[in-house]
Amino acid sequence: MMVVMKSGSSQAEVQQVISLIKSWGLEAHLSQGEERTVIGMVGDTRKVQRELFLHYPAIDRIVPISHPYKLASLDFIPNASTFPLDGFEIGGEGIVVIAGPCAVESREQMLETAHAVRSAGAHALRGGAYKPRTSPYAFQGLGEEGLEILAEARELTGLPIITEVMAPELVPLVAKYADVLQIGARNMQNYALLHAAGESQKPVLLKRGMSATIEELLMAAEYILSHGNRRVILCERGIRTYETSTRNTTDINAIPVLKSLTHLPVILDPSHSTGNWKYVTAIARAGVAAGADGIIVEVHPHPEEALSDGGQSLNPNRFAELICQIKSIAAAVDRSMAPAKVQGCV
């Protein structure tokens, strides 16, 4: 349920309504746009005494939200949410490209990759310091040493860094180094982690679980949003189906569907959704054509030597070609590339 205030309502009138909502033990989430001010009510709305709203002339109307996700809904915020990240905008008209290796393996590997993707036109750098792996014997990441290497790569290239956090108790540590916290597919419904990420007030990149529905993804985002942290990016990374010719099945449908349901930015991961570098560029093109706000792709200077996911990683030359192709597709759908540290594919 949400309260829509009349145009021109004062801050004092808005605060009066917020106080009333809180008196029922509900959370009040304020959205102030150019055309309207909306106050979302989160909690057990059976406590709401709607007749009391009649005593507040600044209220225009009360609108029920039919979706189980409230704060992520377009009903609550009718326009696309955007937020700045070190010189470019997430969720705006410009397409954003996030690139880097699956895992931080060494200082040399990470710095080589960082310089390569920056030169090609990437906007942000990805890399895993903590790696959730199917096998307990596989490379699990360098931990805090990996975070320190990522921080050095940011200092040398100017690229903001995105890295995965795997447990609630790790959020403060990872947040100290990272510009964006990534919550991986395996942790999409780790509710303690979602709460901790929301409380951190850091931007969060939330990946769809491998068997999760779109509604479940939006409900996971709701946990983060419920802490007043609105800088959430949704990531489609492929889902598990009966098909085995690729690692996962890319749900291209999810991009326009999400765009019709939520104001949150939506990006595509063509690396995990295919599991094969040969298909990554084609699926990245499809994602931009379908309306994605960005792409997150795995790049490694020597994929054949990668400790994880080398088979789905592009080398720097192929990544540079991908940037050029994405730029062309963006222009074809009346969009452009967001400004980057280096203008790739001039």
Protein backbone atom coordinates (compact mmCIF):
# COMPACT_ATOMS: atom_id res chain seq x y z
CA MET A 1 0.00 0.00 0.00
CA MET A 2 1.24 3.49 -0.73
CA VAL A 3 0.15 7.04 -0.05
CA VAL A 4 0.30 9.49 -2.94
CA MET A 5 0.64 13.08 -1.74
CA LYS A 6 -0.89 16.04 -3.55
CA SER A 7 1.38 18.13 -5.73
CA GLY A 8 2.99 20.89 -3.70
CA SER A 9 2.70 19.13 -0.34
CA SER A 10 5.10 20.56 2.21
CA GLN A 11 7.79 18.59 4.00
CA ALA A 12 5.87 19.10 7.23
CA GLU A 13 2.74 17.51 5.71
CA VAL A 14 4.79 14.60 4.39
CA GLN A 15 6.35 14.06 7.82
CA GLN A 16 2.91 14.06 9.46
CA VAL A 17 1.83 11.19 7.24
CA ILE A 18 5.08 9.32 7.86
CA SER A 19 4.55 9.68 11.62
CA LEU A 20 1.04 8.26 11.30
CA ILE A 21 2.31 5.26 9.33
CA LYS A 22 5.05 4.58 11.89
CA SER A 23 2.50 4.77 14.72
CA TRP A 24 1.05 1.52 13.35
CA GLY A 25 4.45 -0.17 13.56
CA LEU A 26 5.01 0.02 9.80
CA GLU A 27 8.04 1.20 7.87
CA ALA A 28 7.58 4.30 5.73
CA HIS A 29 9.67 4.58 2.56
CA LEU A 30 9.69 7.97 0.88
CA SER A 31 9.98 8.47 -2.88
CA GLN A 32 10.07 12.09 -4.01
CA GLY A 33 9.91 12.62 -7.76
CA GLU A 34 9.45 15.70 -9.88
CA GLU A 35 5.74 15.03 -10.35
CA ARG A 36 4.67 13.27 -7.18
CA THR A 37 5.67 12.27 -3.68
CA VAL A 38 4.88 8.71 -2.64
CA ILE A 39 5.14 7.09 0.77
CA GLY A 40 5.29 3.32 0.72
CA MET A 41 4.02 1.33 3.69
CA VAL A 42 5.90 -1.89 4.43
CA GLY A 43 4.76 -4.35 7.06
CA ASP A 44 1.43 -5.76 8.22
CA THR A 45 -0.89 -3.26 6.57
CA ARG A 46 -3.93 -4.85 8.27
CA LYS A 47 -3.12 -2.42 11.09
CA VAL A 48 -3.80 0.56 8.83
CA GLN A 49 -6.87 2.60 9.74
CA ARG A 50 -7.58 4.10 6.35
CA GLU A 51 -10.27 6.42 7.67
CA LEU A 52 -7.62 8.38 9.55
CA PHE A 53 -6.10 9.47 6.26
CA LEU A 54 -9.21 11.57 5.68
CA HIS A 55 -7.89 14.01 8.27
CA TYR A 56 -4.84 14.78 6.11
CA PRO A 57 -5.83 17.12 3.24
CA ALA A 58 -2.38 16.86 1.64
CA ILE A 59 -3.06 13.20 0.73
CA ASP A 60 -4.23 12.71 -2.83
CA ARG A 61 -5.08 9.01 -2.72
CA ILE A 62 -4.24 5.62 -1.22
CA VAL A 63 -3.12 3.00 -3.73
CA PRO A 64 -2.79 -0.73 -3.01
CA ILE A 65 0.28 -2.49 -4.46
CA SER A 66 -0.79 -5.86 -5.78
CA HIS A 67 2.70 -7.35 -6.07
CA PRO A 68 4.31 -9.07 -3.07
CA TYR A 69 7.40 -6.92 -3.76
CA LYS A 70 6.57 -3.32 -2.88
CA LEU A 71 9.68 -1.14 -2.97
CA ALA A 72 10.99 -2.78 -6.15
CA SER A 73 7.71 -2.22 -7.95
CA LEU A 74 7.04 0.35 -10.65
CA ASP A 75 3.92 1.17 -8.66
CA PHE A 76 6.14 2.69 -5.99
CA ILE A 77 8.68 4.38 -8.27
CA PRO A 78 7.24 4.74 -11.79
CA ASN A 79 10.47 5.77 -13.50
CA ALA A 80 13.78 3.95 -13.92
CA SER A 81 16.04 4.28 -10.89
CA THR A 82 19.56 5.47 -11.56
CA PHE A 83 22.59 6.16 -9.42
CA PRO A 84 26.10 7.47 -10.11
CA LEU A 85 29.20 5.31 -9.85
CA ASP A 86 32.52 7.09 -10.28
CA GLY A 87 31.74 9.21 -13.32
CA PHE A 88 29.00 7.20 -15.02
CA GLU A 89 25.40 6.34 -14.28
CA ILE A 90 23.91 2.93 -13.58
CA GLY A 91 20.43 2.51 -15.04
CA GLY A 92 20.55 5.54 -17.31
CA GLU A 93 20.49 5.75 -21.11
CA GLY A 94 24.13 4.72 -21.38
CA ILE A 95 25.08 1.05 -21.50
CA VAL A 96 27.59 0.02 -18.80
CA VAL A 97 30.15 -2.76 -19.24
CA ILE A 98 31.68 -4.49 -16.19
CA ALA A 99 34.60 -6.79 -16.96
CA GLY A 100 37.32 -8.82 -15.30
CA PRO A 101 38.29 -12.35 -14.33
CA CYS A 102 36.15 -14.82 -12.44
CA ALA A 103 38.73 -14.89 -9.65
CA VAL A 104 41.63 -12.80 -8.45
CA GLU A 105 44.48 -15.27 -8.89
CA SER A 106 47.54 -13.06 -8.46
CA ARG A 107 48.57 -9.41 -8.47
CA GLU A 108 50.12 -9.74 -11.95
CA GLN A 109 47.02 -11.40 -13.45
CA MET A 110 44.63 -8.86 -11.94
CA LEU A 111 46.60 -5.76 -12.90
CA GLU A 112 47.14 -7.02 -16.44
CA THR A 113 43.42 -7.64 -16.80
CA ALA A 114 42.47 -4.31 -15.25
CA HIS A 115 44.64 -2.31 -17.65
CA ALA A 116 43.37 -4.34 -20.62
CA VAL A 117 39.67 -3.89 -19.92
CA ARG A 118 40.15 -0.20 -19.13
CA SER A 119 41.93 0.31 -22.46
CA ALA A 120 39.09 -1.44 -24.28
CA GLY A 121 36.45 0.82 -22.70
CA ALA A 122 35.13 -1.02 -19.63
CA HIS A 123 33.41 1.07 -16.97
CA ALA A 124 34.06 -1.10 -13.92
CA LEU A 125 36.26 -4.01 -12.89
CA ARG A 126 34.99 -7.33 -11.57
CA GLY A 127 36.97 -10.02 -9.78
CA GLY A 128 36.27 -12.58 -7.10
CA ALA A 129 38.29 -12.54 -3.90
CA TYR A 130 35.97 -15.12 -2.33
CA LYS A 131 34.73 -17.87 -4.65
CA PRO A 132 31.78 -20.19 -3.91
CA ARG A 133 32.64 -23.35 -5.82
CA THR A 134 30.72 -26.56 -6.38
CA SER A 135 33.77 -28.61 -5.42
CA PRO A 136 35.47 -28.04 -2.04
CA TYR A 137 38.77 -28.85 -3.78
CA ALA A 138 38.49 -26.09 -6.37
CA PHE A 139 40.20 -22.70 -6.00
CA GLN A 140 38.29 -20.73 -3.36
CA GLY A 141 39.89 -17.31 -3.84
CA LEU A 142 42.57 -15.29 -2.06
CA GLY A 143 40.28 -13.68 0.51
CA GLU A 144 41.43 -10.34 1.91
CA GLU A 145 44.64 -10.51 -0.11
CA GLY A 146 42.45 -10.57 -3.21
CA LEU A 147 40.53 -7.53 -1.96
CA GLU A 148 43.81 -5.66 -1.49
CA ILE A 149 44.85 -6.51 -5.05
CA LEU A 150 41.50 -5.26 -6.35
CA ALA A 151 41.95 -2.01 -4.43
CA GLU A 152 45.38 -1.57 -6.03
CA ALA A 153 43.90 -2.20 -9.47
CA ARG A 154 41.31 0.51 -8.80
CA GLU A 155 44.01 2.95 -7.72
CA LEU A 156 46.07 2.31 -10.86
CA THR A 157 43.21 2.33 -13.41
CA GLY A 158 40.49 4.44 -11.81
CA LEU A 159 37.94 1.67 -12.38
CA PRO A 160 35.45 1.04 -9.55
CA ILE A 161 35.48 -2.57 -8.38
CA ILE A 162 32.70 -5.11 -8.00
CA THR A 163 33.33 -8.25 -5.99
CA GLU A 164 31.28 -10.99 -4.39
CA VAL A 165 30.47 -11.26 -0.70
CA MET A 166 29.47 -14.69 0.53
CA ALA A 167 28.45 -14.33 4.18
CA PRO A 168 26.89 -11.67 6.43
CA GLU A 169 29.97 -11.47 8.64
CA LEU A 170 32.13 -10.66 5.59
CA VAL A 171 30.05 -7.65 4.51
CA PRO A 172 31.97 -5.03 6.57
CA LEU A 173 35.32 -6.28 5.30
CA VAL A 174 34.30 -6.49 1.63
CA ALA A 175 32.48 -3.16 1.83
CA LYS A 176 35.71 -1.54 3.04
CA TYR A 177 37.35 -2.38 -0.31
CA ALA A 178 34.55 -2.71 -2.88
CA ASP A 179 32.52 -0.05 -4.65
CA VAL A 180 29.71 -2.54 -5.35
CA LEU A 181 28.88 -5.71 -3.42
CA GLN A 182 27.93 -8.68 -5.57
CA ILE A 183 25.56 -11.33 -4.24
CA GLY A 184 25.95 -14.45 -6.33
CA ALA A 185 23.35 -16.82 -7.66
CA ARG A 186 23.95 -19.36 -4.90
CA ASN A 187 23.27 -16.69 -2.27
CA MET A 188 20.28 -14.96 -3.83
CA GLN A 189 18.03 -16.29 -1.06
CA ASN A 190 20.57 -16.04 1.74
CA TYR A 191 18.31 -13.70 3.70
CA ALA A 192 20.83 -12.89 6.44
CA LEU A 193 23.29 -11.82 3.73
CA LEU A 194 20.61 -9.75 1.94
CA HIS A 195 19.82 -7.94 5.20
CA ALA A 196 23.52 -7.27 5.87
CA ALA A 197 24.08 -5.98 2.33
CA GLY A 198 21.07 -3.69 2.68
CA GLU A 199 22.30 -2.35 5.99
CA SER A 200 25.74 -1.61 4.51
CA GLN A 201 24.21 1.06 2.23
CA LYS A 202 26.69 0.01 -0.46
CA PRO A 203 25.46 -0.52 -4.04
CA VAL A 204 24.53 -4.17 -4.55
CA LEU A 205 24.62 -6.28 -7.71
CA LEU A 206 22.11 -9.09 -7.12
CA LYS A 207 22.36 -12.15 -9.37
CA ARG A 208 19.34 -14.30 -10.12
CA GLY A 209 19.47 -17.75 -8.59
CA MET A 210 20.01 -20.59 -11.04
CA SER A 211 16.49 -21.94 -10.43
CA ALA A 212 14.79 -18.75 -9.23
CA THR A 213 11.70 -17.18 -10.73
CA ILE A 214 11.61 -13.51 -11.61
CA GLU A 215 9.30 -12.86 -8.67
CA GLU A 216 11.74 -14.58 -6.31
CA LEU A 217 14.54 -12.37 -7.64
CA LEU A 218 12.47 -9.25 -6.98
CA MET A 219 11.56 -10.47 -3.50
CA ALA A 220 15.27 -10.95 -2.79
CA ALA A 221 15.88 -7.37 -3.91
CA GLU A 222 13.10 -6.28 -1.57
CA TYR A 223 15.16 -7.44 1.42
CA ILE A 224 17.95 -5.04 0.42
CA LEU A 225 15.56 -2.20 -0.42
CA SER A 226 13.76 -2.58 2.91
CA HIS A 227 16.85 -1.11 4.62
CA GLY A 228 16.58 2.09 2.60
CA ASN A 229 19.37 0.95 0.27
CA ARG A 230 17.99 1.70 -3.19
CA ARG A 231 21.20 1.20 -5.15
CA VAL A 232 20.39 -2.32 -6.33
CA ILE A 233 21.28 -3.78 -9.73
CA LEU A 234 19.52 -6.94 -10.92
CA CYS A 235 21.53 -9.44 -12.95
CA GLU A 236 20.16 -12.15 -15.23
CA ARG A 237 22.85 -14.86 -15.45
CA GLY A 238 21.05 -17.79 -16.99
CA ILE A 239 18.86 -20.42 -15.37
CA ARG A 240 19.07 -24.18 -15.03
CA THR A 241 16.94 -26.11 -17.54
CA TYR A 242 17.05 -29.55 -19.15
CA GLU A 243 19.35 -28.22 -21.91
CA THR A 244 22.99 -29.27 -21.53
CA SER A 245 24.62 -27.77 -24.63
CA THR A 246 25.41 -24.63 -22.63
CA ARG A 247 26.22 -24.13 -18.96
CA ASN A 248 22.85 -22.44 -18.34
CA THR A 249 19.96 -21.20 -20.45
CA THR A 250 20.00 -17.45 -21.02
CA ASP A 251 16.59 -16.06 -20.12
CA ILE A 252 16.52 -13.12 -22.53
CA ASN A 253 12.81 -12.84 -21.73
CA ALA A 254 13.72 -11.79 -18.20
CA ILE A 255 15.16 -8.47 -19.35
CA PRO A 256 11.99 -6.92 -20.83
CA VAL A 257 9.85 -8.64 -18.20
CA LEU A 258 11.89 -7.11 -15.38
CA LYS A 259 11.80 -3.74 -17.13
CA SER A 260 7.99 -3.94 -17.10
CA LEU A 261 7.84 -4.79 -13.38
CA THR A 262 10.60 -2.86 -11.61
CA HIS A 263 12.39 0.47 -11.65
CA LEU A 264 15.71 -1.18 -10.77
CA PRO A 265 18.56 -1.38 -13.33
CA VAL A 266 18.91 -4.73 -15.11
CA ILE A 267 22.13 -6.17 -16.52
CA LEU A 268 23.04 -9.45 -18.24
CA ASP A 269 25.89 -11.88 -17.56
CA PRO A 270 26.54 -13.66 -20.88
CA SER A 271 29.54 -15.53 -19.47
CA HIS A 272 27.74 -17.59 -16.82
CA SER A 273 24.60 -17.91 -18.90
CA THR A 274 26.47 -19.67 -21.72
CA GLY A 275 29.62 -21.07 -20.10
CA ASN A 276 31.47 -20.83 -23.43
CA TRP A 277 33.42 -17.81 -24.69
CA LYS A 278 32.30 -18.56 -28.26
CA TYR A 279 28.73 -17.53 -27.41
CA VAL A 280 29.41 -14.64 -25.04
CA THR A 281 29.50 -11.80 -27.58
CA ALA A 282 26.34 -12.94 -29.37
CA ILE A 283 24.39 -13.15 -26.11
CA ALA A 284 25.77 -9.80 -24.96
CA ARG A 285 24.45 -8.26 -28.19
CA ALA A 286 21.07 -9.88 -27.58
CA GLY A 287 20.96 -8.53 -24.02
CA VAL A 288 21.54 -4.95 -25.10
CA ALA A 289 18.97 -5.31 -27.89
CA ALA A 290 16.45 -6.64 -25.34
CA GLY A 291 16.88 -3.56 -23.12
CA ALA A 292 19.60 -4.45 -20.61
CA ASP A 293 21.27 -1.49 -18.91
CA GLY A 294 24.64 -3.19 -18.95
CA ILE A 295 26.73 -6.30 -19.33
CA ILE A 296 29.01 -8.07 -16.83
CA VAL A 297 31.49 -10.29 -18.63
CA GLU A 298 34.48 -12.41 -17.66
CA VAL A 299 37.84 -11.44 -19.17
CA HIS A 300 41.19 -13.10 -18.49
CA PRO A 301 44.56 -12.29 -20.11
CA HIS A 302 45.27 -16.01 -20.51
CA PRO A 303 41.96 -17.95 -20.31
CA GLU A 304 43.68 -21.29 -20.88
CA GLU A 305 45.58 -20.76 -17.61
CA ALA A 306 42.64 -19.50 -15.51
CA LEU A 307 42.05 -21.18 -12.16
CA SER A 308 38.27 -20.88 -12.63
CA ASP A 309 35.88 -20.39 -15.55
CA GLY A 310 38.58 -20.04 -18.19
CA GLY A 311 36.34 -21.66 -20.78
CA GLN A 312 33.81 -18.82 -20.59
CA SER A 313 36.33 -15.98 -20.36
CA LEU A 314 37.17 -13.68 -23.25
CA ASN A 315 40.76 -12.69 -23.88
CA PRO A 316 41.45 -8.93 -24.10
CA ASN A 317 41.29 -8.80 -27.91
CA ARG A 318 37.91 -10.51 -28.02
CA PHE A 319 36.69 -8.23 -25.25
CA ALA A 320 37.68 -5.17 -27.28
CA GLU A 321 35.68 -6.56 -30.20
CA LEU A 322 32.70 -7.11 -27.88
CA ILE A 323 32.79 -3.43 -26.84
CA CYS A 324 32.60 -2.38 -30.50
CA GLN A 325 29.66 -4.67 -31.20
CA ILE A 326 27.76 -3.57 -28.09
CA LYS A 327 28.28 0.04 -29.11
CA SER A 328 26.71 -0.68 -32.51
CA ILE A 329 23.73 -2.49 -30.99
CA ALA A 330 23.20 0.31 -28.47
CA ALA A 331 23.04 2.85 -31.30
CA ALA A 332 20.53 0.67 -33.14
CA VAL A 333 18.14 0.75 -30.17
CA ASP A 334 18.58 4.51 -29.58
CA ARG A 335 21.00 4.17 -26.70
CA SER A 336 24.71 4.79 -26.30
CA MET A 337 27.65 3.65 -24.21
CA ALA A 338 28.05 5.34 -20.85
CA PRO A 339 31.16 7.53 -20.61
CA ALA A 340 34.23 5.47 -19.68
CA LYS A 341 37.74 6.25 -18.47
CA VAL A 342 38.96 5.35 -21.97
CA GLN A 343 36.71 5.63 -25.00
CA GLY A 344 36.86 2.15 -26.46
CA CYS A 345 36.12 1.36 -30.12
CA VAL A 346 36.55 4.92 -31.40
